[in-house]
Amino acid sequence: MAAASVVREVGRRSRRLFGIFVADIPWTVSSKELKEYFSQFGLVQRCQLPFDRDTGFHKRYCWIKFSTPEEVQNALQKDSHILEGSKLTLKQQIRRRRSQRKSPRE
């Protein structure tokens, strides 16, 4: 029984991703381009670029997920990030437990 819990914990740690929130993305930049750009700071595990169903354009923000906190720090330490002439805004994503999130009624 103890071995199974150890395996589960190792699995959870390997799925743990560290992220940054990126805003002010130009309309012309794709998720592929974002992933390529941020790969200079480390291994990009995921790039989530949400789209607006009504307009068909992305919402000009995304989340970039790295596998280590050092990769996040590499990206955040650079003074400015510029894609297609626009300066991107970066913030470290802080993961909250569901119990810490605000309820819709607040």
N, C-alpha and C. Protein backbone atom coordinates (compact mmCIF):
# COMPACT_ATOMS: atom_id res chain seq x y z
N MET A 1 0.82 -1.20 0.00
CA MET A 1 0.00 0.00 0.00
C MET A 1 0.86 1.25 0.00
N ALA A 2 1.95 1.27 0.77
CA ALA A 2 2.82 2.43 0.86
C ALA A 2 3.50 2.70 -0.48
N ALA A 3 3.86 1.65 -1.20
CA ALA A 3 4.52 1.82 -2.50
C ALA A 3 3.59 2.51 -3.49
N ALA A 4 2.33 2.21 -3.45
CA ALA A 4 1.36 2.84 -4.36
C ALA A 4 1.26 4.34 -4.10
N SER A 5 1.27 4.74 -2.84
CA SER A 5 1.18 6.16 -2.53
C SER A 5 2.44 6.90 -2.96
N VAL A 6 3.59 6.25 -2.88
CA VAL A 6 4.85 6.86 -3.34
C VAL A 6 4.80 7.05 -4.86
N VAL A 7 4.32 6.06 -5.57
CA VAL A 7 4.21 6.16 -7.03
C VAL A 7 3.26 7.30 -7.41
N ARG A 8 2.14 7.43 -6.71
CA ARG A 8 1.19 8.52 -6.99
C ARG A 8 1.84 9.88 -6.76
N GLU A 9 2.59 10.01 -5.67
CA GLU A 9 3.24 11.30 -5.36
C GLU A 9 4.28 11.65 -6.41
N VAL A 10 5.05 10.70 -6.86
CA VAL A 10 6.04 10.94 -7.92
C VAL A 10 5.33 11.36 -9.20
N GLY A 11 4.22 10.71 -9.51
CA GLY A 11 3.43 11.08 -10.68
C GLY A 11 2.91 12.49 -10.60
N ARG A 12 2.45 12.91 -9.42
CA ARG A 12 1.96 14.28 -9.24
C ARG A 12 3.07 15.29 -9.45
N ARG A 13 4.25 15.00 -8.90
CA ARG A 13 5.37 15.92 -9.06
C ARG A 13 5.79 16.04 -10.51
N SER A 14 5.77 14.95 -11.25
CA SER A 14 6.20 14.99 -12.65
C SER A 14 5.19 15.76 -13.51
N ARG A 15 3.92 15.83 -13.08
CA ARG A 15 2.92 16.57 -13.84
C ARG A 15 2.86 18.03 -13.43
N ARG A 16 3.55 18.39 -12.36
CA ARG A 16 3.52 19.76 -11.85
C ARG A 16 4.20 20.68 -12.86
N LEU A 17 3.51 21.71 -13.26
CA LEU A 17 4.06 22.67 -14.21
C LEU A 17 4.13 24.03 -13.55
N PHE A 18 5.06 24.83 -14.01
CA PHE A 18 5.27 26.16 -13.46
C PHE A 18 5.00 27.14 -14.59
N GLY A 19 4.22 28.17 -14.30
CA GLY A 19 3.76 29.00 -15.40
C GLY A 19 3.94 30.48 -15.23
N ILE A 20 3.77 31.14 -16.37
CA ILE A 20 3.72 32.60 -16.43
C ILE A 20 2.48 33.00 -17.21
N PHE A 21 1.95 34.14 -16.85
CA PHE A 21 0.83 34.73 -17.56
C PHE A 21 1.42 35.80 -18.48
N VAL A 22 1.05 35.77 -19.74
CA VAL A 22 1.56 36.72 -20.73
C VAL A 22 0.39 37.52 -21.29
N ALA A 23 0.50 38.85 -21.26
CA ALA A 23 -0.57 39.71 -21.77
C ALA A 23 -0.01 40.64 -22.84
N ASP A 24 -0.92 41.34 -23.52
CA ASP A 24 -0.59 42.30 -24.58
C ASP A 24 0.06 41.63 -25.79
N ILE A 25 -0.40 40.44 -26.11
CA ILE A 25 0.12 39.70 -27.27
C ILE A 25 -0.51 40.27 -28.53
N PRO A 26 0.30 40.58 -29.56
CA PRO A 26 -0.27 41.07 -30.82
C PRO A 26 -1.22 40.04 -31.44
N TRP A 27 -2.22 40.52 -32.14
CA TRP A 27 -3.22 39.65 -32.77
C TRP A 27 -2.59 38.65 -33.73
N THR A 28 -1.48 39.04 -34.34
CA THR A 28 -0.87 38.23 -35.40
C THR A 28 0.02 37.11 -34.89
N VAL A 29 0.25 37.04 -33.59
CA VAL A 29 1.14 36.02 -33.02
C VAL A 29 0.34 34.77 -32.68
N SER A 30 0.87 33.61 -33.10
CA SER A 30 0.19 32.33 -32.85
C SER A 30 0.78 31.63 -31.62
N SER A 31 0.11 30.59 -31.17
CA SER A 31 0.61 29.82 -30.03
C SER A 31 1.94 29.16 -30.39
N LYS A 32 2.10 28.75 -31.63
CA LYS A 32 3.35 28.14 -32.08
C LYS A 32 4.50 29.15 -31.97
N GLU A 33 4.26 30.38 -32.38
CA GLU A 33 5.29 31.41 -32.28
C GLU A 33 5.63 31.72 -30.83
N LEU A 34 4.61 31.75 -29.97
CA LEU A 34 4.85 31.99 -28.55
C LEU A 34 5.69 30.87 -27.94
N LYS A 35 5.35 29.65 -28.29
CA LYS A 35 6.09 28.50 -27.77
C LYS A 35 7.54 28.55 -28.24
N GLU A 36 7.75 28.88 -29.49
CA GLU A 36 9.11 29.00 -30.02
C GLU A 36 9.88 30.10 -29.32
N TYR A 37 9.23 31.26 -29.11
CA TYR A 37 9.90 32.38 -28.46
C TYR A 37 10.30 32.03 -27.03
N PHE A 38 9.39 31.47 -26.25
CA PHE A 38 9.67 31.19 -24.85
C PHE A 38 10.55 29.96 -24.66
N SER A 39 10.78 29.18 -25.69
CA SER A 39 11.66 28.01 -25.57
C SER A 39 13.11 28.42 -25.34
N GLN A 40 13.46 29.68 -25.60
CA GLN A 40 14.82 30.13 -25.32
C GLN A 40 15.11 30.18 -23.81
N PHE A 41 14.06 30.16 -23.00
CA PHE A 41 14.22 30.23 -21.54
C PHE A 41 14.13 28.86 -20.88
N GLY A 42 13.68 27.86 -21.61
CA GLY A 42 13.56 26.52 -21.06
C GLY A 42 12.58 25.70 -21.89
N LEU A 43 12.32 24.51 -21.44
CA LEU A 43 11.41 23.61 -22.15
C LEU A 43 9.96 24.03 -21.90
N VAL A 44 9.28 24.46 -22.95
CA VAL A 44 7.88 24.88 -22.84
C VAL A 44 7.02 23.62 -22.93
N GLN A 45 6.31 23.34 -21.85
CA GLN A 45 5.45 22.16 -21.80
C GLN A 45 4.09 22.41 -22.45
N ARG A 46 3.60 23.66 -22.30
CA ARG A 46 2.26 23.97 -22.80
C ARG A 46 2.14 25.46 -23.04
N CYS A 47 1.38 25.80 -24.06
CA CYS A 47 1.04 27.20 -24.33
C CYS A 47 -0.48 27.25 -24.51
N GLN A 48 -1.15 27.93 -23.58
CA GLN A 48 -2.61 28.03 -23.64
C GLN A 48 -2.97 29.44 -24.09
N LEU A 49 -3.46 29.55 -25.32
CA LEU A 49 -3.84 30.83 -25.91
C LEU A 49 -5.33 30.78 -26.22
N PRO A 50 -6.17 31.32 -25.33
CA PRO A 50 -7.62 31.22 -25.52
C PRO A 50 -8.13 32.10 -26.65
N PHE A 51 -9.14 31.59 -27.33
CA PHE A 51 -9.76 32.31 -28.44
C PHE A 51 -11.16 32.77 -28.08
N ASP A 52 -11.58 33.85 -28.69
CA ASP A 52 -12.93 34.37 -28.54
C ASP A 52 -13.79 33.71 -29.61
N ARG A 53 -14.82 33.02 -29.23
CA ARG A 53 -15.66 32.31 -30.20
C ARG A 53 -16.39 33.26 -31.14
N ASP A 54 -16.75 34.44 -30.65
CA ASP A 54 -17.49 35.39 -31.48
C ASP A 54 -16.63 36.02 -32.57
N THR A 55 -15.40 36.41 -32.21
CA THR A 55 -14.55 37.11 -33.18
C THR A 55 -13.62 36.18 -33.93
N GLY A 56 -13.28 35.04 -33.32
CA GLY A 56 -12.33 34.14 -33.95
C GLY A 56 -10.87 34.51 -33.68
N PHE A 57 -10.65 35.63 -33.01
CA PHE A 57 -9.29 36.06 -32.66
C PHE A 57 -8.96 35.57 -31.26
N HIS A 58 -7.64 35.46 -31.00
CA HIS A 58 -7.27 35.11 -29.63
C HIS A 58 -7.48 36.34 -28.73
N LYS A 59 -7.49 36.09 -27.43
CA LYS A 59 -7.85 37.13 -26.46
C LYS A 59 -6.67 38.00 -26.03
N ARG A 60 -5.52 37.87 -26.69
CA ARG A 60 -4.32 38.68 -26.46
C ARG A 60 -3.63 38.37 -25.13
N TYR A 61 -3.92 37.21 -24.56
CA TYR A 61 -3.18 36.76 -23.38
C TYR A 61 -3.06 35.25 -23.45
N CYS A 62 -2.08 34.71 -22.69
CA CYS A 62 -1.91 33.26 -22.67
C CYS A 62 -1.19 32.86 -21.39
N TRP A 63 -1.09 31.56 -21.21
CA TRP A 63 -0.31 30.99 -20.12
C TRP A 63 0.75 30.11 -20.76
N ILE A 64 1.98 30.30 -20.32
CA ILE A 64 3.09 29.47 -20.77
C ILE A 64 3.49 28.60 -19.58
N LYS A 65 3.56 27.30 -19.80
CA LYS A 65 3.90 26.36 -18.72
C LYS A 65 5.28 25.77 -18.98
N PHE A 66 6.14 25.90 -17.97
CA PHE A 66 7.47 25.31 -18.00
C PHE A 66 7.51 24.14 -17.02
N SER A 67 8.57 23.34 -17.12
CA SER A 67 8.66 22.18 -16.22
C SER A 67 9.39 22.48 -14.92
N THR A 68 10.15 23.59 -14.85
CA THR A 68 10.86 23.90 -13.61
C THR A 68 10.68 25.38 -13.25
N PRO A 69 10.78 25.71 -11.97
CA PRO A 69 10.68 27.11 -11.57
C PRO A 69 11.86 27.94 -12.07
N GLU A 70 13.00 27.32 -12.30
CA GLU A 70 14.17 28.04 -12.83
C GLU A 70 13.89 28.56 -14.23
N GLU A 71 13.17 27.80 -15.02
CA GLU A 71 12.83 28.25 -16.38
C GLU A 71 11.90 29.46 -16.33
N VAL A 72 10.98 29.47 -15.39
CA VAL A 72 10.10 30.62 -15.21
C VAL A 72 10.94 31.84 -14.85
N GLN A 73 11.87 31.67 -13.92
CA GLN A 73 12.72 32.79 -13.51
C GLN A 73 13.58 33.28 -14.66
N ASN A 74 14.05 32.38 -15.52
CA ASN A 74 14.82 32.79 -16.70
C ASN A 74 13.99 33.74 -17.57
N ALA A 75 12.74 33.41 -17.76
CA ALA A 75 11.86 34.25 -18.59
C ALA A 75 11.55 35.57 -17.91
N LEU A 76 11.32 35.54 -16.60
CA LEU A 76 10.95 36.76 -15.88
C LEU A 76 12.12 37.72 -15.71
N GLN A 77 13.35 37.20 -15.73
CA GLN A 77 14.52 38.05 -15.51
C GLN A 77 14.87 38.92 -16.71
N LYS A 78 14.41 38.54 -17.88
CA LYS A 78 14.69 39.36 -19.06
C LYS A 78 13.93 40.68 -18.93
N ASP A 79 14.60 41.79 -19.25
CA ASP A 79 14.00 43.12 -19.07
C ASP A 79 12.71 43.31 -19.85
N SER A 80 12.75 43.03 -21.14
CA SER A 80 11.53 43.21 -21.93
C SER A 80 11.43 42.12 -22.99
N HIS A 81 10.20 41.75 -23.25
CA HIS A 81 9.90 40.73 -24.25
C HIS A 81 9.13 41.44 -25.36
N ILE A 82 9.66 41.40 -26.57
CA ILE A 82 9.02 42.10 -27.68
C ILE A 82 8.79 41.11 -28.81
N LEU A 83 7.53 41.01 -29.24
CA LEU A 83 7.15 40.19 -30.38
C LEU A 83 6.41 41.06 -31.38
N GLU A 84 6.87 41.04 -32.61
CA GLU A 84 6.27 41.81 -33.69
C GLU A 84 6.06 43.28 -33.31
N GLY A 85 7.06 43.83 -32.62
CA GLY A 85 7.03 45.25 -32.28
C GLY A 85 6.23 45.61 -31.05
N SER A 86 5.60 44.64 -30.40
CA SER A 86 4.79 44.90 -29.20
C SER A 86 5.47 44.32 -27.97
N LYS A 87 5.47 45.10 -26.90
CA LYS A 87 6.05 44.65 -25.64
C LYS A 87 5.04 43.81 -24.88
N LEU A 88 5.46 42.60 -24.51
CA LEU A 88 4.60 41.69 -23.77
C LEU A 88 4.70 41.99 -22.28
N THR A 89 3.63 41.72 -21.56
CA THR A 89 3.61 41.86 -20.11
C THR A 89 3.61 40.46 -19.51
N LEU A 90 4.56 40.19 -18.61
CA LEU A 90 4.66 38.87 -17.99
C LEU A 90 4.46 38.96 -16.49
N LYS A 91 3.77 37.95 -15.95
CA LYS A 91 3.59 37.83 -14.51
C LYS A 91 3.72 36.36 -14.15
N GLN A 92 4.34 36.09 -13.02
CA GLN A 92 4.45 34.71 -12.57
C GLN A 92 3.08 34.24 -12.12
N GLN A 93 2.70 33.06 -12.56
CA GLN A 93 1.41 32.50 -12.18
C GLN A 93 1.53 31.88 -10.81
N ILE A 94 0.64 32.28 -9.93
CA ILE A 94 0.62 31.73 -8.58
C ILE A 94 -0.53 30.74 -8.50
N ARG A 95 -0.18 29.50 -8.22
CA ARG A 95 -1.21 28.46 -8.15
C ARG A 95 -1.86 28.48 -6.79
N ARG A 96 -3.18 28.54 -6.80
CA ARG A 96 -3.94 28.50 -5.56
C ARG A 96 -4.72 27.21 -5.49
N ARG A 97 -4.87 26.73 -4.31
CA ARG A 97 -5.72 25.55 -4.14
C ARG A 97 -7.16 25.96 -4.35
N ARG A 98 -7.97 25.04 -4.71
CA ARG A 98 -9.39 25.36 -4.96
C ARG A 98 -10.04 25.98 -3.75
N SER A 99 -9.63 25.57 -2.57
CA SER A 99 -10.22 26.12 -1.35
C SER A 99 -9.84 27.59 -1.15
N GLN A 100 -8.77 28.06 -1.80
CA GLN A 100 -8.32 29.44 -1.66
C GLN A 100 -8.91 30.36 -2.72
N ARG A 101 -9.53 29.80 -3.73
CA ARG A 101 -10.10 30.61 -4.82
C ARG A 101 -11.37 31.29 -4.35
N LYS A 102 -11.63 32.44 -4.94
CA LYS A 102 -12.85 33.16 -4.58
C LYS A 102 -14.05 32.45 -5.19
N SER A 103 -15.10 32.42 -4.44
CA SER A 103 -16.32 31.82 -4.98
C SER A 103 -17.01 32.85 -5.87
N PRO A 104 -17.82 32.43 -6.83
CA PRO A 104 -18.50 33.37 -7.73
C PRO A 104 -19.42 34.34 -7.00
N ARG A 105 -19.84 33.99 -5.79
CA ARG A 105 -20.75 34.85 -5.05
C ARG A 105 -20.06 36.02 -4.40
N GLU A 106 -18.73 35.98 -4.27
CA GLU A 106 -18.00 37.07 -3.59
C GLU A 106 -17.82 38.24 -4.51
